[in-house]
Amino acid sequence: MFSLEPGITPLPIVVGYFIIAAIIAVIIIKKSKNKMRLMDYVMAAIGGAIVSIADHVIGDMIYLPAPIYPFINPPVWFRILVFFIVVGVIRKVGAGMLSMGVFDIVGDLVHFGFVGEPLWLIEDVLTYGLMADIAIFLTQGKIFGIGEKKNQVFFAAFEGALLGFVMSFVHPFFTYGFIAPILFGFTPNKARVMFLLISYIPGDTVIGAISALVANRIANVMRGGI
């Protein structure tokens, strides 16, 4: 039951993940001390729309043939870069989930249509979005080292790389390995799932670190810091 048969992530794992993720989302929103305000909601919404444009418009304009793609993945890399800047500027729990919710809706409007909703919305909010919000919660708003007195570069690179790493699991196991087969009626194979994972991890980890450093710098400039 808990194996890829063939290449499809088992239903109990998917359902279990999203139930636990939803519970965690509620807990960290309630327990976060620094609540989002109106301007934060506005910035998250605008930022989410920009993330979608960066991914689905700018990123998709860059064509790379196999086997360069997906080892070099412009849409995903642009998504991570802009998304990290958005959450780095806001730095409040909820910014990640809200911006990724807007990302999903804008993506439907400009590119995909609404086939498969709300599955895509749930996926984006409770994977990419929640992962960033957990980082914000655990760092008490000092995600990517922003606000730390020492070692900002280290914290930014480490946290960005870690987030990029965990985000690289989403597409292989949830998007390709579960939701897409249900919606589009195909059966993925185990080799393709593992290939996507192996090809996503290096690039997402490196671009995650770079994006976090960029986010750190931009946030510090906006704060009037170094």
N, C-alpha and C. Protein backbone atom coordinates (compact mmCIF):
# COMPACT_ATOMS: atom_id res chain seq x y z
N MET A 1 0.82 -1.21 0.00
CA MET A 1 0.00 0.00 0.00
C MET A 1 0.85 1.26 0.00
N PHE A 2 2.03 1.19 0.59
CA PHE A 2 2.86 2.37 0.71
C PHE A 2 4.01 2.39 -0.29
N SER A 3 3.85 1.69 -1.41
CA SER A 3 4.84 1.74 -2.48
C SER A 3 4.28 2.48 -3.67
N LEU A 4 5.15 2.88 -4.58
CA LEU A 4 4.70 3.54 -5.80
C LEU A 4 4.19 2.48 -6.76
N GLU A 5 2.90 2.52 -7.13
CA GLU A 5 2.29 1.44 -7.89
C GLU A 5 1.50 1.97 -9.08
N PRO A 6 2.05 2.09 -10.26
CA PRO A 6 3.48 2.28 -10.51
C PRO A 6 3.75 3.77 -10.62
N GLY A 7 4.46 4.31 -9.70
CA GLY A 7 4.84 5.71 -9.73
C GLY A 7 3.82 6.65 -9.14
N ILE A 8 2.70 6.15 -8.63
CA ILE A 8 1.69 7.02 -8.04
C ILE A 8 1.85 7.03 -6.52
N THR A 9 1.96 8.20 -5.95
CA THR A 9 2.09 8.32 -4.51
C THR A 9 0.81 7.79 -3.86
N PRO A 10 0.91 6.89 -2.90
CA PRO A 10 -0.28 6.25 -2.31
C PRO A 10 -1.22 7.26 -1.67
N LEU A 11 -2.52 7.01 -1.82
CA LEU A 11 -3.55 7.89 -1.28
C LEU A 11 -3.41 8.12 0.22
N PRO A 12 -3.14 7.10 1.04
CA PRO A 12 -3.01 7.35 2.49
C PRO A 12 -1.91 8.36 2.82
N ILE A 13 -0.81 8.32 2.09
CA ILE A 13 0.28 9.27 2.33
C ILE A 13 -0.15 10.68 1.97
N VAL A 14 -0.81 10.83 0.82
CA VAL A 14 -1.25 12.15 0.38
C VAL A 14 -2.28 12.73 1.33
N VAL A 15 -3.31 11.96 1.65
CA VAL A 15 -4.35 12.43 2.56
C VAL A 15 -3.77 12.73 3.94
N GLY A 16 -2.92 11.83 4.42
CA GLY A 16 -2.30 12.03 5.72
C GLY A 16 -1.48 13.31 5.76
N TYR A 17 -0.70 13.54 4.69
CA TYR A 17 0.12 14.75 4.66
C TYR A 17 -0.74 15.99 4.75
N PHE A 18 -1.79 16.07 3.92
CA PHE A 18 -2.57 17.30 3.86
C PHE A 18 -3.41 17.52 5.12
N ILE A 19 -3.83 16.46 5.78
CA ILE A 19 -4.53 16.62 7.06
C ILE A 19 -3.58 17.19 8.10
N ILE A 20 -2.38 16.61 8.18
CA ILE A 20 -1.39 17.10 9.14
C ILE A 20 -0.97 18.52 8.80
N ALA A 21 -0.79 18.80 7.50
CA ALA A 21 -0.39 20.14 7.06
C ALA A 21 -1.44 21.17 7.44
N ALA A 22 -2.72 20.83 7.26
CA ALA A 22 -3.79 21.76 7.60
C ALA A 22 -3.81 22.05 9.10
N ILE A 23 -3.60 21.01 9.90
CA ILE A 23 -3.56 21.18 11.35
C ILE A 23 -2.40 22.08 11.75
N ILE A 24 -1.23 21.84 11.16
CA ILE A 24 -0.05 22.67 11.45
C ILE A 24 -0.31 24.11 11.04
N ALA A 25 -0.95 24.32 9.89
CA ALA A 25 -1.24 25.68 9.42
C ALA A 25 -2.10 26.42 10.43
N VAL A 26 -3.13 25.77 10.93
CA VAL A 26 -4.02 26.41 11.92
C VAL A 26 -3.25 26.74 13.19
N ILE A 27 -2.42 25.80 13.64
CA ILE A 27 -1.67 25.99 14.89
C ILE A 27 -0.71 27.16 14.79
N ILE A 28 0.08 27.21 13.71
CA ILE A 28 1.08 28.28 13.64
C ILE A 28 0.44 29.65 13.40
N ILE A 29 -0.70 29.68 12.71
CA ILE A 29 -1.39 30.96 12.54
C ILE A 29 -1.91 31.46 13.89
N LYS A 30 -2.48 30.56 14.67
CA LYS A 30 -3.02 30.96 15.97
C LYS A 30 -1.93 31.33 16.96
N LYS A 31 -0.81 30.62 16.91
CA LYS A 31 0.25 30.83 17.89
C LYS A 31 1.23 31.94 17.49
N SER A 32 1.20 32.37 16.25
CA SER A 32 2.13 33.43 15.83
C SER A 32 1.78 34.73 16.54
N LYS A 33 2.80 35.40 17.04
CA LYS A 33 2.58 36.63 17.81
C LYS A 33 2.43 37.85 16.90
N ASN A 34 3.16 37.85 15.82
CA ASN A 34 3.14 39.00 14.92
C ASN A 34 2.14 38.74 13.80
N LYS A 35 0.91 39.21 13.98
CA LYS A 35 -0.15 38.91 13.03
C LYS A 35 -0.05 39.79 11.79
N MET A 36 -0.54 39.26 10.69
CA MET A 36 -0.58 40.02 9.45
C MET A 36 -1.64 41.13 9.55
N ARG A 37 -1.29 42.27 8.95
CA ARG A 37 -2.22 43.39 8.90
C ARG A 37 -2.62 43.65 7.46
N LEU A 38 -3.46 44.67 7.27
CA LEU A 38 -4.01 44.93 5.95
C LEU A 38 -2.92 45.08 4.90
N MET A 39 -1.88 45.85 5.18
CA MET A 39 -0.81 46.07 4.21
C MET A 39 -0.07 44.78 3.90
N ASP A 40 0.05 43.91 4.90
CA ASP A 40 0.70 42.61 4.68
C ASP A 40 -0.12 41.75 3.71
N TYR A 41 -1.44 41.79 3.89
CA TYR A 41 -2.31 41.04 2.98
C TYR A 41 -2.20 41.57 1.56
N VAL A 42 -2.14 42.89 1.44
CA VAL A 42 -2.02 43.51 0.12
C VAL A 42 -0.70 43.11 -0.54
N MET A 43 0.40 43.18 0.23
CA MET A 43 1.71 42.82 -0.32
C MET A 43 1.78 41.35 -0.70
N ALA A 44 1.16 40.49 0.13
CA ALA A 44 1.16 39.05 -0.18
C ALA A 44 0.36 38.77 -1.44
N ALA A 45 -0.75 39.47 -1.61
CA ALA A 45 -1.58 39.26 -2.80
C ALA A 45 -0.86 39.74 -4.05
N ILE A 46 -0.29 40.94 -3.98
CA ILE A 46 0.45 41.46 -5.13
C ILE A 46 1.67 40.58 -5.41
N GLY A 47 2.37 40.19 -4.34
CA GLY A 47 3.54 39.34 -4.49
C GLY A 47 3.20 38.00 -5.11
N GLY A 48 2.08 37.40 -4.69
CA GLY A 48 1.66 36.13 -5.25
C GLY A 48 1.38 36.22 -6.74
N ALA A 49 0.78 37.35 -7.14
CA ALA A 49 0.51 37.56 -8.57
C ALA A 49 1.82 37.68 -9.35
N ILE A 50 2.79 38.39 -8.77
CA ILE A 50 4.09 38.55 -9.44
C ILE A 50 4.81 37.21 -9.52
N VAL A 51 4.69 36.39 -8.47
CA VAL A 51 5.29 35.04 -8.50
C VAL A 51 4.71 34.25 -9.67
N SER A 52 3.40 34.34 -9.86
CA SER A 52 2.75 33.60 -10.94
C SER A 52 3.24 34.08 -12.31
N ILE A 53 3.37 35.38 -12.48
CA ILE A 53 3.86 35.92 -13.75
C ILE A 53 5.31 35.47 -13.98
N ALA A 54 6.11 35.52 -12.92
CA ALA A 54 7.51 35.12 -13.03
C ALA A 54 7.64 33.66 -13.45
N ASP A 55 6.75 32.83 -12.92
CA ASP A 55 6.78 31.39 -13.23
C ASP A 55 6.15 31.10 -14.59
N HIS A 56 4.88 31.42 -14.74
CA HIS A 56 4.09 30.96 -15.87
C HIS A 56 4.27 31.79 -17.14
N VAL A 57 4.75 33.01 -17.01
CA VAL A 57 4.95 33.85 -18.20
C VAL A 57 6.44 33.96 -18.53
N ILE A 58 7.20 34.56 -17.61
CA ILE A 58 8.62 34.77 -17.89
C ILE A 58 9.38 33.45 -17.95
N GLY A 59 9.17 32.60 -16.94
CA GLY A 59 9.87 31.32 -16.90
C GLY A 59 9.55 30.42 -18.07
N ASP A 60 8.27 30.38 -18.44
CA ASP A 60 7.85 29.51 -19.54
C ASP A 60 8.32 30.02 -20.91
N MET A 61 8.72 31.28 -20.98
CA MET A 61 9.24 31.81 -22.25
C MET A 61 10.63 31.29 -22.56
N ILE A 62 11.32 30.77 -21.54
CA ILE A 62 12.69 30.28 -21.71
C ILE A 62 12.64 28.79 -22.02
N TYR A 63 12.85 28.44 -23.27
CA TYR A 63 12.79 27.03 -23.66
C TYR A 63 14.17 26.39 -23.56
N LEU A 64 14.21 25.28 -22.85
CA LEU A 64 15.45 24.51 -22.74
C LEU A 64 15.15 23.06 -23.11
N PRO A 65 15.89 22.48 -24.03
CA PRO A 65 15.62 21.09 -24.43
C PRO A 65 16.11 20.10 -23.38
N ALA A 66 15.56 18.90 -23.41
CA ALA A 66 16.09 17.82 -22.59
C ALA A 66 17.47 17.45 -23.13
N PRO A 67 18.41 17.02 -22.28
CA PRO A 67 18.28 16.79 -20.84
C PRO A 67 18.66 18.00 -19.98
N ILE A 68 18.83 19.19 -20.60
CA ILE A 68 19.13 20.38 -19.80
C ILE A 68 17.98 20.66 -18.84
N TYR A 69 16.75 20.57 -19.38
CA TYR A 69 15.55 20.71 -18.56
C TYR A 69 15.11 19.31 -18.13
N PRO A 70 14.75 19.06 -16.88
CA PRO A 70 14.47 20.00 -15.81
C PRO A 70 15.63 20.25 -14.83
N PHE A 71 16.85 19.82 -15.16
CA PHE A 71 17.97 20.13 -14.25
C PHE A 71 18.12 21.65 -14.12
N ILE A 72 17.96 22.36 -15.22
CA ILE A 72 17.86 23.81 -15.20
C ILE A 72 16.40 24.13 -15.50
N ASN A 73 15.69 24.67 -14.53
CA ASN A 73 14.24 24.79 -14.60
C ASN A 73 13.81 26.24 -14.38
N PRO A 74 13.84 27.08 -15.42
CA PRO A 74 13.53 28.50 -15.26
C PRO A 74 12.20 28.81 -14.57
N PRO A 75 11.08 28.16 -14.94
CA PRO A 75 9.82 28.50 -14.25
C PRO A 75 9.89 28.30 -12.74
N VAL A 76 10.39 27.15 -12.32
CA VAL A 76 10.47 26.86 -10.89
C VAL A 76 11.48 27.78 -10.21
N TRP A 77 12.59 28.05 -10.86
CA TRP A 77 13.61 28.91 -10.25
C TRP A 77 13.11 30.34 -10.09
N PHE A 78 12.42 30.86 -11.10
CA PHE A 78 11.85 32.20 -10.98
C PHE A 78 10.79 32.23 -9.88
N ARG A 79 10.01 31.14 -9.78
CA ARG A 79 9.00 31.07 -8.72
C ARG A 79 9.65 31.16 -7.35
N ILE A 80 10.69 30.37 -7.14
CA ILE A 80 11.37 30.36 -5.84
C ILE A 80 11.96 31.73 -5.54
N LEU A 81 12.63 32.33 -6.52
CA LEU A 81 13.27 33.63 -6.32
C LEU A 81 12.27 34.68 -5.86
N VAL A 82 11.20 34.87 -6.62
CA VAL A 82 10.24 35.91 -6.29
C VAL A 82 9.47 35.57 -5.01
N PHE A 83 9.13 34.30 -4.83
CA PHE A 83 8.41 33.87 -3.63
C PHE A 83 9.23 34.14 -2.38
N PHE A 84 10.51 33.83 -2.40
CA PHE A 84 11.36 34.08 -1.24
C PHE A 84 11.47 35.57 -0.95
N ILE A 85 11.51 36.38 -1.98
CA ILE A 85 11.55 37.84 -1.77
C ILE A 85 10.26 38.30 -1.09
N VAL A 86 9.12 37.77 -1.53
CA VAL A 86 7.83 38.16 -0.96
C VAL A 86 7.77 37.81 0.52
N VAL A 87 8.07 36.55 0.87
CA VAL A 87 7.98 36.15 2.28
C VAL A 87 9.08 36.81 3.10
N GLY A 88 10.22 37.12 2.47
CA GLY A 88 11.29 37.80 3.18
C GLY A 88 10.94 39.23 3.52
N VAL A 89 10.17 39.87 2.68
CA VAL A 89 9.74 41.25 2.94
C VAL A 89 8.65 41.29 4.01
N ILE A 90 7.71 40.35 3.96
CA ILE A 90 6.59 40.37 4.92
C ILE A 90 6.97 39.74 6.26
N ARG A 91 7.51 38.53 6.21
CA ARG A 91 8.03 37.83 7.39
C ARG A 91 6.98 37.61 8.49
N LYS A 92 5.76 37.34 8.09
CA LYS A 92 4.71 37.03 9.05
C LYS A 92 4.01 35.75 8.61
N VAL A 93 3.65 34.91 9.60
CA VAL A 93 2.98 33.65 9.29
C VAL A 93 1.68 33.93 8.54
N GLY A 94 1.50 33.25 7.45
CA GLY A 94 0.34 33.45 6.59
C GLY A 94 0.75 34.04 5.25
N ALA A 95 1.89 34.71 5.23
CA ALA A 95 2.36 35.33 3.98
C ALA A 95 2.64 34.28 2.92
N GLY A 96 3.23 33.17 3.33
CA GLY A 96 3.56 32.11 2.37
C GLY A 96 2.32 31.48 1.78
N MET A 97 1.37 31.11 2.65
CA MET A 97 0.16 30.44 2.17
C MET A 97 -0.71 31.37 1.34
N LEU A 98 -0.86 32.62 1.77
CA LEU A 98 -1.68 33.55 1.02
C LEU A 98 -1.08 33.85 -0.35
N SER A 99 0.21 34.12 -0.39
CA SER A 99 0.84 34.45 -1.67
C SER A 99 0.79 33.27 -2.63
N MET A 100 0.93 32.04 -2.11
CA MET A 100 0.85 30.88 -3.00
C MET A 100 -0.59 30.59 -3.42
N GLY A 101 -1.55 30.98 -2.60
CA GLY A 101 -2.94 30.87 -3.01
C GLY A 101 -3.24 31.80 -4.18
N VAL A 102 -2.74 33.03 -4.08
CA VAL A 102 -2.92 33.99 -5.18
C VAL A 102 -2.14 33.52 -6.40
N PHE A 103 -0.94 32.99 -6.18
CA PHE A 103 -0.14 32.42 -7.26
C PHE A 103 -0.95 31.40 -8.06
N ASP A 104 -1.63 30.52 -7.35
CA ASP A 104 -2.41 29.48 -8.01
C ASP A 104 -3.57 30.07 -8.81
N ILE A 105 -4.29 30.99 -8.23
CA ILE A 105 -5.46 31.57 -8.90
C ILE A 105 -5.04 32.37 -10.12
N VAL A 106 -4.01 33.19 -9.99
CA VAL A 106 -3.53 33.97 -11.13
C VAL A 106 -3.01 33.05 -12.23
N GLY A 107 -2.34 31.97 -11.82
CA GLY A 107 -1.86 30.99 -12.80
C GLY A 107 -3.01 30.38 -13.59
N ASP A 108 -4.13 30.12 -12.90
CA ASP A 108 -5.30 29.60 -13.60
C ASP A 108 -5.85 30.62 -14.60
N LEU A 109 -5.82 31.88 -14.22
CA LEU A 109 -6.37 32.93 -15.08
C LEU A 109 -5.51 33.17 -16.32
N VAL A 110 -4.20 33.15 -16.15
CA VAL A 110 -3.32 33.53 -17.26
C VAL A 110 -2.80 32.35 -18.07
N HIS A 111 -2.96 31.15 -17.53
CA HIS A 111 -2.28 30.03 -18.20
C HIS A 111 -3.10 28.74 -18.27
N PHE A 112 -3.57 28.23 -17.13
CA PHE A 112 -4.05 26.86 -17.07
C PHE A 112 -5.56 26.70 -17.17
N GLY A 113 -6.33 27.71 -16.80
CA GLY A 113 -7.75 27.49 -16.61
C GLY A 113 -7.97 26.85 -15.24
N PHE A 114 -9.23 26.57 -14.92
CA PHE A 114 -9.52 26.12 -13.56
C PHE A 114 -9.77 24.62 -13.45
N VAL A 115 -9.32 23.88 -14.45
CA VAL A 115 -9.45 22.43 -14.40
C VAL A 115 -8.58 21.89 -13.26
N GLY A 116 -9.18 21.07 -12.41
CA GLY A 116 -8.42 20.48 -11.32
C GLY A 116 -8.50 21.21 -10.01
N GLU A 117 -9.14 22.36 -10.01
CA GLU A 117 -9.31 23.06 -8.74
C GLU A 117 -10.43 22.40 -7.92
N PRO A 118 -10.32 22.38 -6.58
CA PRO A 118 -9.33 23.11 -5.78
C PRO A 118 -8.08 22.30 -5.43
N LEU A 119 -7.84 21.19 -6.13
CA LEU A 119 -6.69 20.37 -5.77
C LEU A 119 -5.38 21.14 -5.90
N TRP A 120 -5.22 21.89 -7.01
CA TRP A 120 -3.99 22.65 -7.20
C TRP A 120 -3.84 23.72 -6.12
N LEU A 121 -4.94 24.36 -5.76
CA LEU A 121 -4.90 25.40 -4.73
C LEU A 121 -4.46 24.81 -3.39
N ILE A 122 -5.06 23.69 -3.04
CA ILE A 122 -4.70 23.03 -1.78
C ILE A 122 -3.22 22.65 -1.79
N GLU A 123 -2.77 22.10 -2.91
CA GLU A 123 -1.37 21.69 -3.01
C GLU A 123 -0.43 22.88 -2.82
N ASP A 124 -0.64 23.95 -3.58
CA ASP A 124 0.27 25.09 -3.50
C ASP A 124 0.28 25.73 -2.12
N VAL A 125 -0.90 25.87 -1.52
CA VAL A 125 -1.01 26.53 -0.21
C VAL A 125 -0.37 25.69 0.89
N LEU A 126 -0.64 24.38 0.88
CA LEU A 126 -0.19 23.53 1.99
C LEU A 126 1.13 22.81 1.73
N THR A 127 1.77 23.14 0.63
CA THR A 127 3.15 22.64 0.43
C THR A 127 4.09 23.84 0.42
N TYR A 128 4.26 24.48 -0.73
CA TYR A 128 5.18 25.62 -0.83
C TYR A 128 4.86 26.71 0.20
N GLY A 129 3.60 27.10 0.25
CA GLY A 129 3.21 28.19 1.14
C GLY A 129 3.43 27.85 2.60
N LEU A 130 2.97 26.68 3.00
CA LEU A 130 3.10 26.27 4.40
C LEU A 130 4.56 26.09 4.80
N MET A 131 5.37 25.54 3.91
CA MET A 131 6.78 25.36 4.22
C MET A 131 7.45 26.68 4.57
N ALA A 132 7.14 27.72 3.80
CA ALA A 132 7.71 29.04 4.08
C ALA A 132 7.18 29.59 5.40
N ASP A 133 5.88 29.39 5.65
CA ASP A 133 5.30 29.91 6.89
C ASP A 133 5.84 29.18 8.11
N ILE A 134 6.11 27.90 7.99
CA ILE A 134 6.74 27.18 9.10
C ILE A 134 8.11 27.76 9.39
N ALA A 135 8.87 28.08 8.34
CA ALA A 135 10.18 28.70 8.53
C ALA A 135 10.05 30.05 9.21
N ILE A 136 9.05 30.83 8.81
CA ILE A 136 8.82 32.13 9.46
C ILE A 136 8.48 31.93 10.93
N PHE A 137 7.63 30.95 11.22
CA PHE A 137 7.22 30.68 12.60
C PHE A 137 8.41 30.23 13.45
N LEU A 138 9.20 29.31 12.93
CA LEU A 138 10.32 28.77 13.70
C LEU A 138 11.41 29.81 13.94
N THR A 139 11.59 30.72 12.99
CA THR A 139 12.62 31.75 13.14
C THR A 139 12.07 33.01 13.81
N GLN A 140 10.80 32.96 14.21
CA GLN A 140 10.13 34.10 14.86
C GLN A 140 10.23 35.36 14.00
N GLY A 141 9.98 35.19 12.71
CA GLY A 141 9.96 36.32 11.81
C GLY A 141 11.31 36.72 11.26
N LYS A 142 12.34 35.97 11.61
CA LYS A 142 13.69 36.31 11.13
C LYS A 142 14.13 35.34 10.03
N ILE A 143 13.20 34.99 9.17
CA ILE A 143 13.50 34.07 8.08
C ILE A 143 14.62 34.64 7.21
N PHE A 144 15.47 33.79 6.72
CA PHE A 144 16.61 34.14 5.88
C PHE A 144 17.59 35.07 6.61
N GLY A 145 17.61 34.97 7.93
CA GLY A 145 18.54 35.76 8.72
C GLY A 145 18.17 37.22 8.85
N ILE A 146 17.04 37.62 8.32
CA ILE A 146 16.64 39.03 8.34
C ILE A 146 16.30 39.43 9.78
N GLY A 147 17.02 40.41 10.29
CA GLY A 147 16.82 40.84 11.67
C GLY A 147 17.81 40.24 12.64
N GLU A 148 18.56 39.23 12.20
CA GLU A 148 19.61 38.67 13.05
C GLU A 148 20.77 39.66 13.15
N LYS A 149 21.41 39.70 14.28
CA LYS A 149 22.53 40.63 14.47
C LYS A 149 23.83 40.08 13.90
N LYS A 150 23.94 38.77 13.83
CA LYS A 150 25.16 38.15 13.32
C LYS A 150 24.81 37.02 12.35
N ASN A 151 25.77 36.72 11.50
CA ASN A 151 25.69 35.56 10.60
C ASN A 151 24.45 35.56 9.70
N GLN A 152 24.05 36.72 9.22
CA GLN A 152 22.89 36.79 8.35
C GLN A 152 23.10 35.99 7.06
N VAL A 153 24.29 36.10 6.51
CA VAL A 153 24.57 35.39 5.26
C VAL A 153 24.45 33.89 5.46
N PHE A 154 24.98 33.39 6.56
CA PHE A 154 24.90 31.96 6.84
C PHE A 154 23.46 31.51 6.99
N PHE A 155 22.69 32.22 7.82
CA PHE A 155 21.30 31.84 8.04
C PHE A 155 20.49 31.90 6.75
N ALA A 156 20.73 32.94 5.95
CA ALA A 156 20.00 33.08 4.70
C ALA A 156 20.29 31.91 3.77
N ALA A 157 21.56 31.63 3.57
CA ALA A 157 21.94 30.55 2.66
C ALA A 157 21.45 29.20 3.15
N PHE A 158 21.59 28.95 4.45
CA PHE A 158 21.18 27.66 5.02
C PHE A 158 19.67 27.47 4.93
N GLU A 159 18.92 28.47 5.37
CA GLU A 159 17.47 28.35 5.36
C GLU A 159 16.92 28.29 3.94
N GLY A 160 17.51 29.09 3.05
CA GLY A 160 17.06 29.06 1.65
C GLY A 160 17.34 27.72 1.00
N ALA A 161 18.51 27.17 1.25
CA ALA A 161 18.86 25.86 0.69
C ALA A 161 17.94 24.77 1.24
N LEU A 162 17.66 24.83 2.53
CA LEU A 162 16.79 23.84 3.16
C LEU A 162 15.37 23.92 2.60
N LEU A 163 14.86 25.13 2.46
CA LEU A 163 13.52 25.29 1.90
C LEU A 163 13.49 24.81 0.45
N GLY A 164 14.49 25.18 -0.32
CA GLY A 164 14.56 24.73 -1.71
C GLY A 164 14.60 23.21 -1.79
N PHE A 165 15.33 22.59 -0.88
CA PHE A 165 15.43 21.13 -0.86
C PHE A 165 14.08 20.47 -0.60
N VAL A 166 13.38 20.90 0.45
CA VAL A 166 12.11 20.26 0.77
C VAL A 166 11.05 20.56 -0.29
N MET A 167 11.12 21.74 -0.90
CA MET A 167 10.16 22.07 -1.95
C MET A 167 10.35 21.22 -3.20
N SER A 168 11.56 20.70 -3.39
CA SER A 168 11.83 19.89 -4.59
C SER A 168 11.09 18.56 -4.57
N PHE A 169 10.51 18.17 -3.43
CA PHE A 169 9.76 16.92 -3.33
C PHE A 169 8.31 17.08 -3.80
N VAL A 170 7.83 18.32 -3.87
CA VAL A 170 6.40 18.54 -4.13
C VAL A 170 6.00 18.07 -5.52
N HIS A 171 6.69 18.54 -6.54
CA HIS A 171 6.28 18.21 -7.91
C HIS A 171 6.38 16.72 -8.21
N PRO A 172 7.48 16.05 -7.88
CA PRO A 172 7.55 14.61 -8.19
C PRO A 172 6.46 13.79 -7.52
N PHE A 173 6.21 14.02 -6.21
CA PHE A 173 5.35 13.12 -5.46
C PHE A 173 3.90 13.57 -5.37
N PHE A 174 3.64 14.88 -5.40
CA PHE A 174 2.26 15.34 -5.32
C PHE A 174 1.69 15.74 -6.67
N THR A 175 2.44 16.55 -7.44
CA THR A 175 1.93 17.01 -8.73
C THR A 175 1.93 15.88 -9.75
N TYR A 176 3.12 15.41 -10.11
CA TYR A 176 3.23 14.35 -11.12
C TYR A 176 2.80 13.00 -10.58
N GLY A 177 3.13 12.73 -9.32
CA GLY A 177 2.90 11.41 -8.77
C GLY A 177 1.50 11.16 -8.27
N PHE A 178 0.65 12.21 -8.19
CA PHE A 178 -0.69 11.96 -7.66
C PHE A 178 -1.78 12.78 -8.35
N ILE A 179 -1.69 14.12 -8.28
CA ILE A 179 -2.81 14.94 -8.76
C ILE A 179 -2.94 14.89 -10.28
N ALA A 180 -1.84 15.07 -11.01
CA ALA A 180 -1.90 15.08 -12.47
C ALA A 180 -2.46 13.78 -13.05
N PRO A 181 -2.05 12.60 -12.57
CA PRO A 181 -2.64 11.37 -13.11
C PRO A 181 -4.15 11.28 -12.91
N ILE A 182 -4.64 11.77 -11.77
CA ILE A 182 -6.08 11.74 -11.51
C ILE A 182 -6.82 12.64 -12.48
N LEU A 183 -6.28 13.83 -12.71
CA LEU A 183 -6.97 14.82 -13.54
C LEU A 183 -6.85 14.52 -15.03
N PHE A 184 -5.68 14.05 -15.44
CA PHE A 184 -5.43 13.92 -16.87
C PHE A 184 -5.43 12.46 -17.36
N GLY A 185 -5.65 11.54 -16.45
CA GLY A 185 -5.87 10.16 -16.84
C GLY A 185 -4.67 9.42 -17.37
N PHE A 186 -3.50 9.69 -16.83
CA PHE A 186 -2.33 8.92 -17.24
C PHE A 186 -1.71 8.24 -16.03
N THR A 187 -0.90 7.23 -16.29
CA THR A 187 -0.22 6.52 -15.22
C THR A 187 1.27 6.81 -15.29
N PRO A 188 1.79 7.57 -14.33
CA PRO A 188 3.23 7.84 -14.34
C PRO A 188 3.99 6.59 -13.95
N ASN A 189 5.28 6.61 -14.17
CA ASN A 189 6.08 5.46 -13.78
C ASN A 189 7.07 5.85 -12.69
N LYS A 190 7.49 4.85 -11.96
CA LYS A 190 8.37 5.09 -10.82
C LYS A 190 9.67 5.75 -11.25
N ALA A 191 10.20 5.36 -12.40
CA ALA A 191 11.47 5.92 -12.88
C ALA A 191 11.33 7.42 -13.13
N ARG A 192 10.20 7.84 -13.69
CA ARG A 192 9.98 9.27 -13.95
C ARG A 192 9.86 10.06 -12.66
N VAL A 193 9.16 9.51 -11.67
CA VAL A 193 9.05 10.17 -10.37
C VAL A 193 10.43 10.38 -9.76
N MET A 194 11.25 9.35 -9.79
CA MET A 194 12.58 9.45 -9.18
C MET A 194 13.49 10.37 -10.00
N PHE A 195 13.34 10.35 -11.33
CA PHE A 195 14.12 11.26 -12.16
C PHE A 195 13.80 12.71 -11.85
N LEU A 196 12.51 13.02 -11.72
CA LEU A 196 12.11 14.38 -11.39
C LEU A 196 12.68 14.80 -10.04
N LEU A 197 12.64 13.90 -9.07
CA LEU A 197 13.17 14.23 -7.75
C LEU A 197 14.67 14.51 -7.83
N ILE A 198 15.39 13.62 -8.49
CA ILE A 198 16.85 13.77 -8.60
C ILE A 198 17.23 15.03 -9.37
N SER A 199 16.45 15.36 -10.39
CA SER A 199 16.77 16.54 -11.21
C SER A 199 16.36 17.83 -10.53
N TYR A 200 15.35 17.79 -9.67
CA TYR A 200 14.90 19.01 -8.99
C TYR A 200 15.78 19.39 -7.80
N ILE A 201 16.23 18.39 -7.05
CA ILE A 201 16.92 18.68 -5.78
C ILE A 201 18.14 19.60 -5.93
N PRO A 202 19.10 19.31 -6.83
CA PRO A 202 20.29 20.17 -6.88
C PRO A 202 19.96 21.63 -7.23
N GLY A 203 19.17 21.82 -8.28
CA GLY A 203 18.86 23.18 -8.71
C GLY A 203 18.03 23.94 -7.70
N ASP A 204 17.00 23.30 -7.14
CA ASP A 204 16.14 23.97 -6.17
C ASP A 204 16.91 24.33 -4.90
N THR A 205 17.83 23.46 -4.50
CA THR A 205 18.62 23.73 -3.30
C THR A 205 19.54 24.92 -3.52
N VAL A 206 20.22 24.95 -4.64
CA VAL A 206 21.14 26.05 -4.93
C VAL A 206 20.39 27.36 -5.15
N ILE A 207 19.33 27.33 -5.96
CA ILE A 207 18.58 28.56 -6.22
C ILE A 207 17.87 29.02 -4.96
N GLY A 208 17.52 28.07 -4.09
CA GLY A 208 16.93 28.45 -2.81
C GLY A 208 17.88 29.27 -1.97
N ALA A 209 19.15 28.85 -1.91
CA ALA A 209 20.16 29.60 -1.16
C ALA A 209 20.39 30.97 -1.77
N ILE A 210 20.52 31.03 -3.09
CA ILE A 210 20.75 32.30 -3.78
C ILE A 210 19.56 33.23 -3.58
N SER A 211 18.35 32.70 -3.72
CA SER A 211 17.14 33.51 -3.59
C SER A 211 17.00 34.06 -2.17
N ALA A 212 17.36 33.26 -1.18
CA ALA A 212 17.30 33.72 0.20
C ALA A 212 18.28 34.85 0.45
N LEU A 213 19.46 34.78 -0.15
CA LEU A 213 20.43 35.86 -0.01
C LEU A 213 19.91 37.14 -0.66
N VAL A 214 19.27 37.00 -1.81
CA VAL A 214 18.67 38.16 -2.48
C VAL A 214 17.55 38.74 -1.62
N ALA A 215 16.71 37.86 -1.08
CA ALA A 215 15.61 38.30 -0.23
C ALA A 215 16.12 39.01 1.01
N ASN A 216 17.20 38.47 1.59
CA ASN A 216 17.80 39.10 2.76
C ASN A 216 18.25 40.51 2.45
N ARG A 217 18.90 40.69 1.33
CA ARG A 217 19.41 42.00 0.95
C ARG A 217 18.28 42.99 0.71
N ILE A 218 17.28 42.56 -0.04
CA ILE A 218 16.16 43.44 -0.35
C ILE A 218 15.41 43.84 0.93
N ALA A 219 15.16 42.86 1.79
CA ALA A 219 14.45 43.14 3.04
C ALA A 219 15.24 44.10 3.91
N ASN A 220 16.55 43.93 3.97
CA ASN A 220 17.37 44.83 4.78
C ASN A 220 17.37 46.24 4.23
N VAL A 221 17.39 46.36 2.91
CA VAL A 221 17.33 47.70 2.30
C VAL A 221 15.99 48.36 2.65
N MET A 222 14.91 47.59 2.58
CA MET A 222 13.59 48.13 2.90
C MET A 222 13.46 48.49 4.38
N ARG A 223 14.19 47.75 5.23
CA ARG A 223 14.19 48.05 6.66
C ARG A 223 15.13 49.18 7.02
N GLY A 224 15.92 49.63 6.04
CA GLY A 224 16.91 50.66 6.31
C GLY A 224 18.14 50.13 7.01
N GLY A 225 18.37 48.80 6.82
CA GLY A 225 19.50 48.16 7.48
C GLY A 225 20.73 48.17 6.60
N ILE A 226 21.57 47.17 6.83
CA ILE A 226 22.83 47.10 6.11
C ILE A 226 22.59 46.67 4.67
